[in-house]
Amino acid sequence: MNITQLANQIIILFGLMFVGFLIGRLNLMKPQTSRDLTSILIEIVSPCLIIVAFQAPYSASRLRQFFLAFVAVIILYGAEMIISHALFCKVGNANLRLIAQYGSIFSNAGFMGIPLIQALFGPVGVFYAVVALAAFNLFNWTYGVAMFQPADHLHPGIDWRQVCLNPNNLAILLGLVFFFLQIKITGPLGSVLGYVSSLNTPLAMLVIGNSLAHVKLHRTLFNWSLGLSLLLRNLLYPLLALGLFRLVGLSGTALNTSVVMAACPVAGLVVLFSLQARHDPAPAIALMSCSTILCLVTIPLVFFINNFII
C-alpha cells in the first residue's frame, strides 16, 4: 500500500479529531452528549457499516482470506495475552499492572481502526476488518472483563450475554448470512443504511478528539510499565501481527486491513474498566491518549516495514 496515501488519511482523521478537540476545549459538547454519541456509534452506526460491508459479491478467494484472517487474529490474541501477562505480572501496583496489561493487548479497533479502514479501502476493507472487531468483542468481554474483577468475585470471568448480544457481533452474523445467501438490501432501506454508515468516520473522530480535550497528563505515565505497554501496543505487537498474517497466507487488502486493525492505539475501554474497578483512571487516560497520538507515526512505520519485507 502507498505510504503517502496512508499518512494522508491518518492526517485527515487527526484533523477531524482536532475539530473534536476544539469542541471539547470550548465546552460545546457536554459529557452526557459524548456518552450518547458513543452509544449511537457502537449500537447503531457501526452495525450498519458492517452490514453494508457484507453486501459484496460472493467470492471463494475472499471467503478464504476472511477465515485465514480469523484464525490469525485468534492466534495473535492468544500470543499477546501470554506475553503481556508474563511481562506485567510482577508489577507491584495493581492498577498500573492491569492498565498496562490490558492496554498492550486491546486496540481501539472499532473507533480508530474501522474509520481508517473505511477511508482507505471502503466496504471491501471493512469486510475483512470485522474479523478483528469480532475477536476484540470476544476477548474483551471475556478475558478483558475478568482481568479487572477482584479475585474473590462471586461470578468471575466471562460475560457471555455481553458477547452474544453485542450489536456488532449480531451485525457480523447477519452480514455473513446476507453474504452467503447473496441477499442484497436495495431501495430506500439500502440508502438509509448507506447514509447511517457514512457517519462512522467523522462521528468517531469527533468523539475521540473531544475526550482528548479533557486529558491531563499524570506523573504515573512515566512509569516503566506504561512505557512498555505503549511500545508493545503501538509497535511490537503490530510487527508480530504482520509476520503472523504473512505466515498464514494473507495478502492484498486482507493483509493491509488486518495490520491496520492490529496497529491501532490502546482501547478507550481501559478507562471505563479502571473506573468500574474503582481504581485511579488517570494512568489509563494518559496511556490511551499518548497511544492515540503516537499512532500518527507508528501505523505508517509498520507499513513502511511491511513494504520492505520480501
C-alpha atoms as a PDB file:
ATOM      1  CA  MET A   1       0.000   0.000   0.000  1.00  0.00           C
ATOM      2  CA  ASN A   2       1.138   3.549  -0.718  1.00  0.00           C
ATOM      3  CA  ILE A   3       2.624   5.013   2.482  1.00  0.00           C
ATOM      4  CA  THR A   4       1.777   8.562   1.384  1.00  0.00           C
ATOM      5  CA  GLN A   5      -1.885   7.648   0.959  1.00  0.00           C
ATOM      6  CA  LEU A   6      -1.938   6.023   4.409  1.00  0.00           C
ATOM      7  CA  ALA A   7      -0.230   9.021   6.031  1.00  0.00           C
ATOM      8  CA  ASN A   8      -2.661  11.427   4.338  1.00  0.00           C
ATOM      9  CA  GLN A   9      -5.681   9.502   5.602  1.00  0.00           C
ATOM     10  CA  ILE A  10      -4.279   9.408   9.149  1.00  0.00           C
ATOM     11  CA  ILE A  11      -3.661  13.170   8.993  1.00  0.00           C
ATOM     12  CA  ILE A  12      -7.273  13.672   7.836  1.00  0.00           C
ATOM     13  CA  LEU A  13      -8.520  11.595  10.759  1.00  0.00           C
ATOM     14  CA  PHE A  14      -6.383  13.604  13.158  1.00  0.00           C
ATOM     15  CA  GLY A  15      -7.784  16.760  11.579  1.00  0.00           C
ATOM     16  CA  LEU A  16     -11.279  15.540  12.434  1.00  0.00           C
ATOM     17  CA  MET A  17     -10.060  14.670  15.917  1.00  0.00           C
ATOM     18  CA  PHE A  18      -8.694  18.213  16.247  1.00  0.00           C
ATOM     19  CA  VAL A  19     -12.161  19.570  15.465  1.00  0.00           C
ATOM     20  CA  GLY A  20     -13.489  17.363  18.265  1.00  0.00           C
ATOM     21  CA  PHE A  21     -10.654  18.621  20.492  1.00  0.00           C
ATOM     22  CA  LEU A  22     -11.711  22.233  19.836  1.00  0.00           C
ATOM     23  CA  ILE A  23     -15.326  21.333  20.567  1.00  0.00           C
ATOM     24  CA  GLY A  24     -14.206  19.906  23.894  1.00  0.00           C
ATOM     25  CA  ARG A  25     -11.959  22.839  24.803  1.00  0.00           C
ATOM     26  CA  LEU A  26     -14.763  25.281  24.009  1.00  0.00           C
ATOM     27  CA  ASN A  27     -17.164  23.200  26.122  1.00  0.00           C
ATOM     28  CA  LEU A  28     -19.572  22.835  23.211  1.00  0.00           C
ATOM     29  CA  MET A  29     -20.167  19.153  23.993  1.00  0.00           C
ATOM     30  CA  LYS A  30     -21.411  18.046  27.394  1.00  0.00           C
ATOM     31  CA  PRO A  31     -20.082  14.777  28.918  1.00  0.00           C
ATOM     32  CA  GLN A  32     -23.539  13.205  28.589  1.00  0.00           C
ATOM     33  CA  THR A  33     -23.646  14.168  24.891  1.00  0.00           C
ATOM     34  CA  SER A  34     -20.299  12.461  24.335  1.00  0.00           C
ATOM     35  CA  ARG A  35     -21.564   9.312  26.056  1.00  0.00           C
ATOM     36  CA  ASP A  36     -24.757   9.370  23.991  1.00  0.00           C
ATOM     37  CA  LEU A  37     -22.820   9.740  20.734  1.00  0.00           C
ATOM     38  CA  THR A  38     -20.575   6.847  21.772  1.00  0.00           C
ATOM     39  CA  SER A  39     -23.635   4.654  22.332  1.00  0.00           C
ATOM     40  CA  ILE A  40     -25.060   5.661  18.944  1.00  0.00           C
ATOM     41  CA  LEU A  41     -21.770   4.774  17.258  1.00  0.00           C
ATOM     42  CA  ILE A  42     -21.485   1.376  18.926  1.00  0.00           C
ATOM     43  CA  GLU A  43     -25.123   0.308  18.791  1.00  0.00           C
ATOM     44  CA  ILE A  44     -26.383   1.870  15.541  1.00  0.00           C
ATOM     45  CA  VAL A  45     -23.753   3.293  13.179  1.00  0.00           C
ATOM     46  CA  SER A  46     -21.116   0.558  13.426  1.00  0.00           C
ATOM     47  CA  PRO A  47     -23.602  -2.332  12.912  1.00  0.00           C
ATOM     48  CA  CYS A  48     -24.996  -0.553   9.833  1.00  0.00           C
ATOM     49  CA  LEU A  49     -21.465  -0.160   8.465  1.00  0.00           C
ATOM     50  CA  ILE A  50     -20.783  -3.872   8.987  1.00  0.00           C
ATOM     51  CA  ILE A  51     -23.972  -4.952   7.213  1.00  0.00           C
ATOM     52  CA  VAL A  52     -23.164  -2.658   4.267  1.00  0.00           C
ATOM     53  CA  ALA A  53     -19.672  -4.189   4.058  1.00  0.00           C
ATOM     54  CA  PHE A  54     -21.163  -7.668   3.639  1.00  0.00           C
ATOM     55  CA  GLN A  55     -23.240  -6.505   0.660  1.00  0.00           C
ATOM     56  CA  ALA A  56     -20.454  -7.828  -1.555  1.00  0.00           C
ATOM     57  CA  PRO A  57     -20.463 -10.390  -4.372  1.00  0.00           C
ATOM     58  CA  TYR A  58     -19.689 -13.910  -3.202  1.00  0.00           C
ATOM     59  CA  SER A  59     -16.101 -14.939  -3.827  1.00  0.00           C
ATOM     60  CA  ALA A  60     -14.363 -18.138  -2.707  1.00  0.00           C
ATOM     61  CA  SER A  61     -10.981 -16.395  -2.529  1.00  0.00           C
ATOM     62  CA  ARG A  62     -12.456 -13.550  -0.442  1.00  0.00           C
ATOM     63  CA  LEU A  63     -14.060 -16.068   1.905  1.00  0.00           C
ATOM     64  CA  ARG A  64     -10.746 -17.957   2.230  1.00  0.00           C
ATOM     65  CA  GLN A  65      -8.882 -14.757   3.161  1.00  0.00           C
ATOM     66  CA  PHE A  66     -11.649 -13.920   5.651  1.00  0.00           C
ATOM     67  CA  PHE A  67     -11.253 -17.205   7.535  1.00  0.00           C
ATOM     68  CA  LEU A  68      -7.444 -17.096   7.353  1.00  0.00           C
ATOM     69  CA  ALA A  69      -7.635 -13.655   8.961  1.00  0.00           C
ATOM     70  CA  PHE A  70      -9.934 -15.039  11.668  1.00  0.00           C
ATOM     71  CA  VAL A  71      -7.525 -17.854  12.540  1.00  0.00           C
ATOM     72  CA  ALA A  72      -4.542 -15.493  12.559  1.00  0.00           C
ATOM     73  CA  VAL A  73      -6.266 -12.927  14.797  1.00  0.00           C
ATOM     74  CA  ILE A  74      -7.245 -15.605  17.327  1.00  0.00           C
ATOM     75  CA  ILE A  75      -3.628 -16.816  17.465  1.00  0.00           C
ATOM     76  CA  LEU A  76      -2.419 -13.215  17.785  1.00  0.00           C
ATOM     77  CA  TYR A  77      -4.663 -12.501  20.774  1.00  0.00           C
ATOM     78  CA  GLY A  78      -3.506 -15.712  22.442  1.00  0.00           C
ATOM     79  CA  ALA A  79       0.150 -14.760  21.991  1.00  0.00           C
ATOM     80  CA  GLU A  80      -0.433 -11.196  23.228  1.00  0.00           C
ATOM     81  CA  MET A  81      -2.239 -12.374  26.355  1.00  0.00           C
ATOM     82  CA  ILE A  82       0.535 -14.813  27.241  1.00  0.00           C
ATOM     83  CA  ILE A  83       3.355 -12.317  26.603  1.00  0.00           C
ATOM     84  CA  SER A  84       1.685  -9.399  28.395  1.00  0.00           C
ATOM     85  CA  HIS A  85       0.817 -11.494  31.427  1.00  0.00           C
ATOM     86  CA  ALA A  86       4.426 -12.666  31.694  1.00  0.00           C
ATOM     87  CA  LEU A  87       5.803  -9.131  31.334  1.00  0.00           C
ATOM     88  CA  PHE A  88       3.468  -7.334  33.747  1.00  0.00           C
ATOM     89  CA  CYS A  89       2.516  -9.953  36.347  1.00  0.00           C
ATOM     90  CA  LYS A  90       5.275  -8.725  38.713  1.00  0.00           C
ATOM     91  CA  VAL A  91       4.228  -5.046  38.672  1.00  0.00           C
ATOM     92  CA  GLY A  92       3.524  -4.173  42.322  1.00  0.00           C
ATOM     93  CA  ASN A  93       0.850  -1.542  41.756  1.00  0.00           C
ATOM     94  CA  ALA A  94      -2.310  -3.454  40.861  1.00  0.00           C
ATOM     95  CA  ASN A  95      -3.828  -0.508  38.998  1.00  0.00           C
ATOM     96  CA  LEU A  96      -0.759   0.029  36.818  1.00  0.00           C
ATOM     97  CA  ARG A  97      -0.441  -3.724  36.234  1.00  0.00           C
ATOM     98  CA  LEU A  98      -4.000  -4.057  34.945  1.00  0.00           C
ATOM     99  CA  ILE A  99      -3.873  -0.899  32.821  1.00  0.00           C
ATOM    100  CA  ALA A 100      -0.512  -1.781  31.260  1.00  0.00           C
ATOM    101  CA  GLN A 101      -1.525  -5.376  30.554  1.00  0.00           C
ATOM    102  CA  TYR A 102      -4.956  -4.537  29.134  1.00  0.00           C
ATOM    103  CA  GLY A 103      -3.652  -1.563  27.161  1.00  0.00           C
ATOM    104  CA  SER A 104      -0.949  -3.611  25.463  1.00  0.00           C
ATOM    105  CA  ILE A 105      -3.406  -6.316  24.336  1.00  0.00           C
ATOM    106  CA  PHE A 106      -6.553  -4.468  23.271  1.00  0.00           C
ATOM    107  CA  SER A 107      -6.557  -1.896  20.484  1.00  0.00           C
ATOM    108  CA  ASN A 108      -9.092   0.792  19.616  1.00  0.00           C
ATOM    109  CA  ALA A 109     -10.128  -1.256  16.591  1.00  0.00           C
ATOM    110  CA  GLY A 110     -13.710  -0.055  16.473  1.00  0.00           C
ATOM    111  CA  PHE A 111     -13.299   3.677  16.968  1.00  0.00           C
ATOM    112  CA  MET A 112      -9.943   4.151  15.243  1.00  0.00           C
ATOM    113  CA  GLY A 113      -9.493   1.097  13.027  1.00  0.00           C
ATOM    114  CA  ILE A 114     -12.854   0.917  11.267  1.00  0.00           C
ATOM    115  CA  PRO A 115     -12.886   4.622  10.262  1.00  0.00           C
ATOM    116  CA  LEU A 116      -9.327   4.342   8.902  1.00  0.00           C
ATOM    117  CA  ILE A 117     -10.160   1.137   7.023  1.00  0.00           C
ATOM    118  CA  GLN A 118     -13.313   2.729   5.631  1.00  0.00           C
ATOM    119  CA  ALA A 119     -11.330   5.728   4.386  1.00  0.00           C
ATOM    120  CA  LEU A 120      -8.536   3.634   2.854  1.00  0.00           C
ATOM    121  CA  PHE A 121     -10.286   0.585   1.414  1.00  0.00           C
ATOM    122  CA  GLY A 122     -14.028   1.243   1.528  1.00  0.00           C
ATOM    123  CA  PRO A 123     -16.541  -1.606   2.083  1.00  0.00           C
ATOM    124  CA  VAL A 124     -14.077  -4.292   0.908  1.00  0.00           C
ATOM    125  CA  GLY A 125     -11.681  -3.309   3.683  1.00  0.00           C
ATOM    126  CA  VAL A 126     -14.446  -3.201   6.291  1.00  0.00           C
ATOM    127  CA  PHE A 127     -15.451  -6.719   5.184  1.00  0.00           C
ATOM    128  CA  TYR A 128     -12.064  -8.020   6.425  1.00  0.00           C
ATOM    129  CA  ALA A 129     -11.856  -5.589   9.360  1.00  0.00           C
ATOM    130  CA  VAL A 130     -14.905  -7.124  11.043  1.00  0.00           C
ATOM    131  CA  VAL A 131     -12.745 -10.189  11.789  1.00  0.00           C
ATOM    132  CA  ALA A 132     -10.586  -8.160  14.179  1.00  0.00           C
ATOM    133  CA  LEU A 133     -13.674  -6.405  15.552  1.00  0.00           C
ATOM    134  CA  ALA A 134     -15.373  -9.723  16.333  1.00  0.00           C
ATOM    135  CA  ALA A 135     -12.215 -11.066  18.005  1.00  0.00           C
ATOM    136  CA  PHE A 136     -11.917  -7.871  20.043  1.00  0.00           C
ATOM    137  CA  ASN A 137     -15.507  -8.207  21.293  1.00  0.00           C
ATOM    138  CA  LEU A 138     -14.996 -11.877  22.112  1.00  0.00           C
ATOM    139  CA  PHE A 139     -11.781 -11.461  24.119  1.00  0.00           C
ATOM    140  CA  ASN A 140     -12.560  -8.040  25.583  1.00  0.00           C
ATOM    141  CA  TRP A 141     -15.844  -9.102  27.158  1.00  0.00           C
ATOM    142  CA  THR A 142     -14.360 -12.337  28.483  1.00  0.00           C
ATOM    143  CA  TYR A 143     -10.647 -12.080  29.269  1.00  0.00           C
ATOM    144  CA  GLY A 144     -10.607  -8.274  29.462  1.00  0.00           C
ATOM    145  CA  VAL A 145     -13.538  -8.065  31.886  1.00  0.00           C
ATOM    146  CA  ALA A 146     -12.128 -10.890  34.021  1.00  0.00           C
ATOM    147  CA  MET A 147      -8.806  -9.042  34.399  1.00  0.00           C
ATOM    148  CA  PHE A 148     -10.429  -6.161  36.290  1.00  0.00           C
ATOM    149  CA  GLN A 149     -12.583  -8.307  38.560  1.00  0.00           C
ATOM    150  CA  PRO A 150     -11.446  -8.990  42.146  1.00  0.00           C
ATOM    151  CA  ALA A 151     -10.071 -12.457  42.804  1.00  0.00           C
ATOM    152  CA  ASP A 152     -12.961 -13.166  45.221  1.00  0.00           C
ATOM    153  CA  HIS A 153     -15.648 -12.043  42.764  1.00  0.00           C
ATOM    154  CA  LEU A 154     -18.695 -14.316  43.004  1.00  0.00           C
ATOM    155  CA  HIS A 155     -19.116 -14.529  39.237  1.00  0.00           C
ATOM    156  CA  PRO A 156     -15.604 -14.235  37.817  1.00  0.00           C
ATOM    157  CA  GLY A 157     -14.688 -14.192  34.218  1.00  0.00           C
ATOM    158  CA  ILE A 158     -16.975 -14.326  31.267  1.00  0.00           C
ATOM    159  CA  ASP A 159     -19.916 -12.096  30.443  1.00  0.00           C
ATOM    160  CA  TRP A 160     -21.382 -14.242  27.688  1.00  0.00           C
ATOM    161  CA  ARG A 161     -24.512 -12.101  27.495  1.00  0.00           C
ATOM    162  CA  GLN A 162     -22.383  -9.085  26.596  1.00  0.00           C
ATOM    163  CA  VAL A 163     -20.583 -11.146  23.927  1.00  0.00           C
ATOM    164  CA  CYS A 164     -23.678 -12.672  22.350  1.00  0.00           C
ATOM    165  CA  LEU A 165     -25.863  -9.562  22.382  1.00  0.00           C
ATOM    166  CA  ASN A 166     -23.197  -7.103  21.267  1.00  0.00           C
ATOM    167  CA  PRO A 167     -24.764  -5.216  18.313  1.00  0.00           C
ATOM    168  CA  ASN A 168     -21.573  -5.506  16.246  1.00  0.00           C
ATOM    169  CA  ASN A 169     -21.392  -9.273  16.702  1.00  0.00           C
ATOM    170  CA  LEU A 170     -25.060  -9.609  15.764  1.00  0.00           C
ATOM    171  CA  ALA A 171     -24.419  -7.462  12.685  1.00  0.00           C
ATOM    172  CA  ILE A 172     -21.476  -9.700  11.700  1.00  0.00           C
ATOM    173  CA  LEU A 173     -23.649 -12.822  11.926  1.00  0.00           C
ATOM    174  CA  LEU A 174     -26.441 -11.169   9.962  1.00  0.00           C
ATOM    175  CA  GLY A 175     -23.955  -9.860   7.410  1.00  0.00           C
ATOM    176  CA  LEU A 176     -22.484 -13.335   6.914  1.00  0.00           C
ATOM    177  CA  VAL A 177     -25.981 -14.718   6.256  1.00  0.00           C
ATOM    178  CA  PHE A 178     -26.554 -11.976   3.665  1.00  0.00           C
ATOM    179  CA  PHE A 179     -23.141 -12.694   2.123  1.00  0.00           C
ATOM    180  CA  PHE A 180     -23.628 -16.462   1.820  1.00  0.00           C
ATOM    181  CA  LEU A 181     -27.216 -16.173   0.550  1.00  0.00           C
ATOM    182  CA  GLN A 182     -26.376 -13.105  -1.563  1.00  0.00           C
ATOM    183  CA  ILE A 183     -29.265 -11.125  -0.106  1.00  0.00           C
ATOM    184  CA  LYS A 184     -28.994  -7.538  -1.325  1.00  0.00           C
ATOM    185  CA  ILE A 185     -30.521  -4.594   0.553  1.00  0.00           C
ATOM    186  CA  THR A 186     -31.696  -2.120  -2.058  1.00  0.00           C
ATOM    187  CA  GLY A 187     -34.116   0.772  -2.391  1.00  0.00           C
ATOM    188  CA  PRO A 188     -34.810   3.226   0.447  1.00  0.00           C
ATOM    189  CA  LEU A 189     -33.579   0.814   3.149  1.00  0.00           C
ATOM    190  CA  GLY A 190     -30.254   0.388   1.381  1.00  0.00           C
ATOM    191  CA  SER A 191     -29.907   4.168   1.104  1.00  0.00           C
ATOM    192  CA  VAL A 192     -30.675   4.599   4.811  1.00  0.00           C
ATOM    193  CA  LEU A 193     -28.007   2.047   5.741  1.00  0.00           C
ATOM    194  CA  GLY A 194     -25.518   3.828   3.486  1.00  0.00           C
ATOM    195  CA  TYR A 195     -26.203   7.251   4.964  1.00  0.00           C
ATOM    196  CA  VAL A 196     -26.018   5.989   8.559  1.00  0.00           C
ATOM    197  CA  SER A 197     -22.791   4.055   7.951  1.00  0.00           C
ATOM    198  CA  SER A 198     -21.182   7.145   6.423  1.00  0.00           C
ATOM    199  CA  LEU A 199     -21.471   8.838   9.833  1.00  0.00           C
ATOM    200  CA  ASN A 200     -18.966   6.409  11.345  1.00  0.00           C
ATOM    201  CA  THR A 201     -15.679   8.122  10.483  1.00  0.00           C
ATOM    202  CA  PRO A 202     -16.466  11.785  11.295  1.00  0.00           C
ATOM    203  CA  LEU A 203     -18.531  10.975  14.379  1.00  0.00           C
ATOM    204  CA  ALA A 204     -15.931   8.592  15.865  1.00  0.00           C
ATOM    205  CA  MET A 205     -13.108  11.087  15.351  1.00  0.00           C
ATOM    206  CA  LEU A 206     -15.112  13.946  16.903  1.00  0.00           C
ATOM    207  CA  VAL A 207     -15.832  11.830  19.983  1.00  0.00           C
ATOM    208  CA  ILE A 208     -12.175  10.789  20.371  1.00  0.00           C
ATOM    209  CA  GLY A 209     -10.984  14.378  19.912  1.00  0.00           C
ATOM    210  CA  ASN A 210     -13.496  15.629  22.472  1.00  0.00           C
ATOM    211  CA  SER A 211     -12.252  13.084  25.008  1.00  0.00           C
ATOM    212  CA  LEU A 212      -8.622  14.134  24.430  1.00  0.00           C
ATOM    213  CA  ALA A 213      -9.561  17.751  25.207  1.00  0.00           C
ATOM    214  CA  HIS A 214     -10.155  16.804  28.831  1.00  0.00           C
ATOM    215  CA  VAL A 215      -6.959  14.794  29.345  1.00  0.00           C
ATOM    216  CA  LYS A 216      -4.463  15.856  31.978  1.00  0.00           C
ATOM    217  CA  LEU A 217      -1.014  14.298  31.973  1.00  0.00           C
ATOM    218  CA  HIS A 218      -0.271  12.236  35.060  1.00  0.00           C
ATOM    219  CA  ARG A 219       3.090  11.522  36.595  1.00  0.00           C
ATOM    220  CA  THR A 220       2.393   7.768  36.520  1.00  0.00           C
ATOM    221  CA  LEU A 221       2.595   7.980  32.719  1.00  0.00           C
ATOM    222  CA  PHE A 222       6.362   7.880  33.124  1.00  0.00           C
ATOM    223  CA  ASN A 223       6.216   4.525  34.914  1.00  0.00           C
ATOM    224  CA  TRP A 224       8.208   1.874  33.022  1.00  0.00           C
ATOM    225  CA  SER A 225       5.207  -0.482  32.795  1.00  0.00           C
ATOM    226  CA  LEU A 226       3.118   2.077  30.906  1.00  0.00           C
ATOM    227  CA  GLY A 227       6.049   2.883  28.639  1.00  0.00           C
ATOM    228  CA  LEU A 228       6.455  -0.814  27.825  1.00  0.00           C
ATOM    229  CA  SER A 229       2.703  -1.101  27.235  1.00  0.00           C
ATOM    230  CA  LEU A 230       2.934   1.751  24.712  1.00  0.00           C
ATOM    231  CA  LEU A 231       5.842   0.070  22.935  1.00  0.00           C
ATOM    232  CA  LEU A 232       4.004  -3.242  22.727  1.00  0.00           C
ATOM    233  CA  ARG A 233       0.641  -1.850  21.589  1.00  0.00           C
ATOM    234  CA  ASN A 234       1.905   0.693  19.080  1.00  0.00           C
ATOM    235  CA  LEU A 235       4.861  -1.130  17.547  1.00  0.00           C
ATOM    236  CA  LEU A 236       5.926  -4.599  18.728  1.00  0.00           C
ATOM    237  CA  TYR A 237       2.539  -6.342  18.599  1.00  0.00           C
ATOM    238  CA  PRO A 238       1.680  -4.834  15.183  1.00  0.00           C
ATOM    239  CA  LEU A 239       5.011  -6.159  13.866  1.00  0.00           C
ATOM    240  CA  LEU A 240       4.247  -9.559  15.402  1.00  0.00           C
ATOM    241  CA  ALA A 241       0.844  -9.421  13.684  1.00  0.00           C
ATOM    242  CA  LEU A 242       2.450  -8.514  10.367  1.00  0.00           C
ATOM    243  CA  GLY A 243       4.711 -11.574  10.494  1.00  0.00           C
ATOM    244  CA  LEU A 244       1.879 -13.866  11.586  1.00  0.00           C
ATOM    245  CA  PHE A 245      -0.558 -12.624   8.928  1.00  0.00           C
ATOM    246  CA  ARG A 246       2.010 -13.150   6.185  1.00  0.00           C
ATOM    247  CA  LEU A 247       2.817 -16.601   7.565  1.00  0.00           C
ATOM    248  CA  VAL A 248      -0.795 -17.824   7.315  1.00  0.00           C
ATOM    249  CA  GLY A 249      -1.082 -16.531   3.757  1.00  0.00           C
ATOM    250  CA  LEU A 250      -2.950 -13.233   3.991  1.00  0.00           C
ATOM    251  CA  SER A 251      -2.314 -10.866   1.115  1.00  0.00           C
ATOM    252  CA  GLY A 252      -3.618  -7.713  -0.548  1.00  0.00           C
ATOM    253  CA  THR A 253      -6.462  -5.867   1.111  1.00  0.00           C
ATOM    254  CA  ALA A 254      -6.990  -8.615   3.698  1.00  0.00           C
ATOM    255  CA  LEU A 255      -3.369  -8.276   4.860  1.00  0.00           C
ATOM    256  CA  ASN A 256      -3.336  -4.473   4.902  1.00  0.00           C
ATOM    257  CA  THR A 257      -6.668  -4.271   6.681  1.00  0.00           C
ATOM    258  CA  SER A 258      -5.678  -6.786   9.349  1.00  0.00           C
ATOM    259  CA  VAL A 259      -2.393  -4.985  10.019  1.00  0.00           C
ATOM    260  CA  VAL A 260      -4.150  -1.613  10.391  1.00  0.00           C
ATOM    261  CA  MET A 261      -6.538  -3.119  12.932  1.00  0.00           C
ATOM    262  CA  ALA A 262      -3.626  -4.658  14.856  1.00  0.00           C
ATOM    263  CA  ALA A 263      -1.686  -1.366  14.822  1.00  0.00           C
ATOM    264  CA  CYS A 264      -4.462   0.743  16.353  1.00  0.00           C
ATOM    265  CA  PRO A 265      -3.806   2.526  19.680  1.00  0.00           C
ATOM    266  CA  VAL A 266      -4.934   1.494  23.160  1.00  0.00           C
ATOM    267  CA  ALA A 267      -8.665   0.789  23.506  1.00  0.00           C
ATOM    268  CA  GLY A 268     -10.649   3.514  25.268  1.00  0.00           C
ATOM    269  CA  LEU A 269     -12.439   0.866  27.350  1.00  0.00           C
ATOM    270  CA  VAL A 270      -9.350   0.691  29.578  1.00  0.00           C
ATOM    271  CA  VAL A 271     -10.601   3.917  31.194  1.00  0.00           C
ATOM    272  CA  LEU A 272     -14.109   2.541  31.740  1.00  0.00           C
ATOM    273  CA  PHE A 273     -12.846  -0.739  33.204  1.00  0.00           C
ATOM    274  CA  SER A 274     -10.476   1.137  35.517  1.00  0.00           C
ATOM    275  CA  LEU A 275     -13.357   3.288  36.780  1.00  0.00           C
ATOM    276  CA  GLN A 276     -15.599   0.260  37.283  1.00  0.00           C
ATOM    277  CA  ALA A 277     -12.855  -1.396  39.342  1.00  0.00           C
ATOM    278  CA  ARG A 278     -12.722   1.792  41.493  1.00  0.00           C
ATOM    279  CA  HIS A 279      -9.116   2.457  40.508  1.00  0.00           C
ATOM    280  CA  ASP A 280      -7.435   5.743  39.625  1.00  0.00           C
ATOM    281  CA  PRO A 281      -8.272   6.270  35.912  1.00  0.00           C
ATOM    282  CA  ALA A 282      -5.543   8.894  35.315  1.00  0.00           C
ATOM    283  CA  PRO A 283      -2.874   6.390  34.122  1.00  0.00           C
ATOM    284  CA  ALA A 284      -5.422   4.766  31.787  1.00  0.00           C
ATOM    285  CA  ILE A 285      -6.424   8.126  30.296  1.00  0.00           C
ATOM    286  CA  ALA A 286      -2.791   9.143  29.813  1.00  0.00           C
ATOM    287  CA  LEU A 287      -1.873   5.786  28.235  1.00  0.00           C
ATOM    288  CA  MET A 288      -4.804   5.868  25.819  1.00  0.00           C
ATOM    289  CA  SER A 289      -4.135   9.490  24.847  1.00  0.00           C
ATOM    290  CA  CYS A 290      -0.400   9.060  24.216  1.00  0.00           C
ATOM    291  CA  SER A 291      -1.002   5.844  22.284  1.00  0.00           C
ATOM    292  CA  THR A 292      -3.568   7.605  20.067  1.00  0.00           C
ATOM    293  CA  ILE A 293      -1.160  10.452  19.300  1.00  0.00           C
ATOM    294  CA  LEU A 294       1.775   8.092  18.675  1.00  0.00           C
ATOM    295  CA  CYS A 295      -0.191   6.062  16.115  1.00  0.00           C
ATOM    296  CA  LEU A 296       0.170   9.015  13.753  1.00  0.00           C
ATOM    297  CA  VAL A 297       3.779   7.847  13.414  1.00  0.00           C
ATOM    298  CA  THR A 298       3.682   4.152  14.303  1.00  0.00           C
ATOM    299  CA  ILE A 299       0.984   2.989  11.842  1.00  0.00           C
ATOM    300  CA  PRO A 300       2.842   4.394   8.792  1.00  0.00           C
ATOM    301  CA  LEU A 301       6.087   2.984  10.246  1.00  0.00           C
ATOM    302  CA  VAL A 302       4.617  -0.527  10.429  1.00  0.00           C
ATOM    303  CA  PHE A 303       3.511  -0.293   6.782  1.00  0.00           C
ATOM    304  CA  PHE A 304       6.885   1.115   5.783  1.00  0.00           C
ATOM    305  CA  ILE A 305       8.447  -2.031   7.249  1.00  0.00           C
ATOM    306  CA  ASN A 306       5.783  -4.164   5.551  1.00  0.00           C
ATOM    307  CA  ASN A 307       6.725  -2.757   2.141  1.00  0.00           C
ATOM    308  CA  PHE A 308      10.336  -3.884   2.591  1.00  0.00           C
ATOM    309  CA  ILE A 309       9.522  -7.447   3.573  1.00  0.00           C
ATOM    310  CA  ILE A 310      10.254  -9.734   0.658  1.00  0.00           C
END
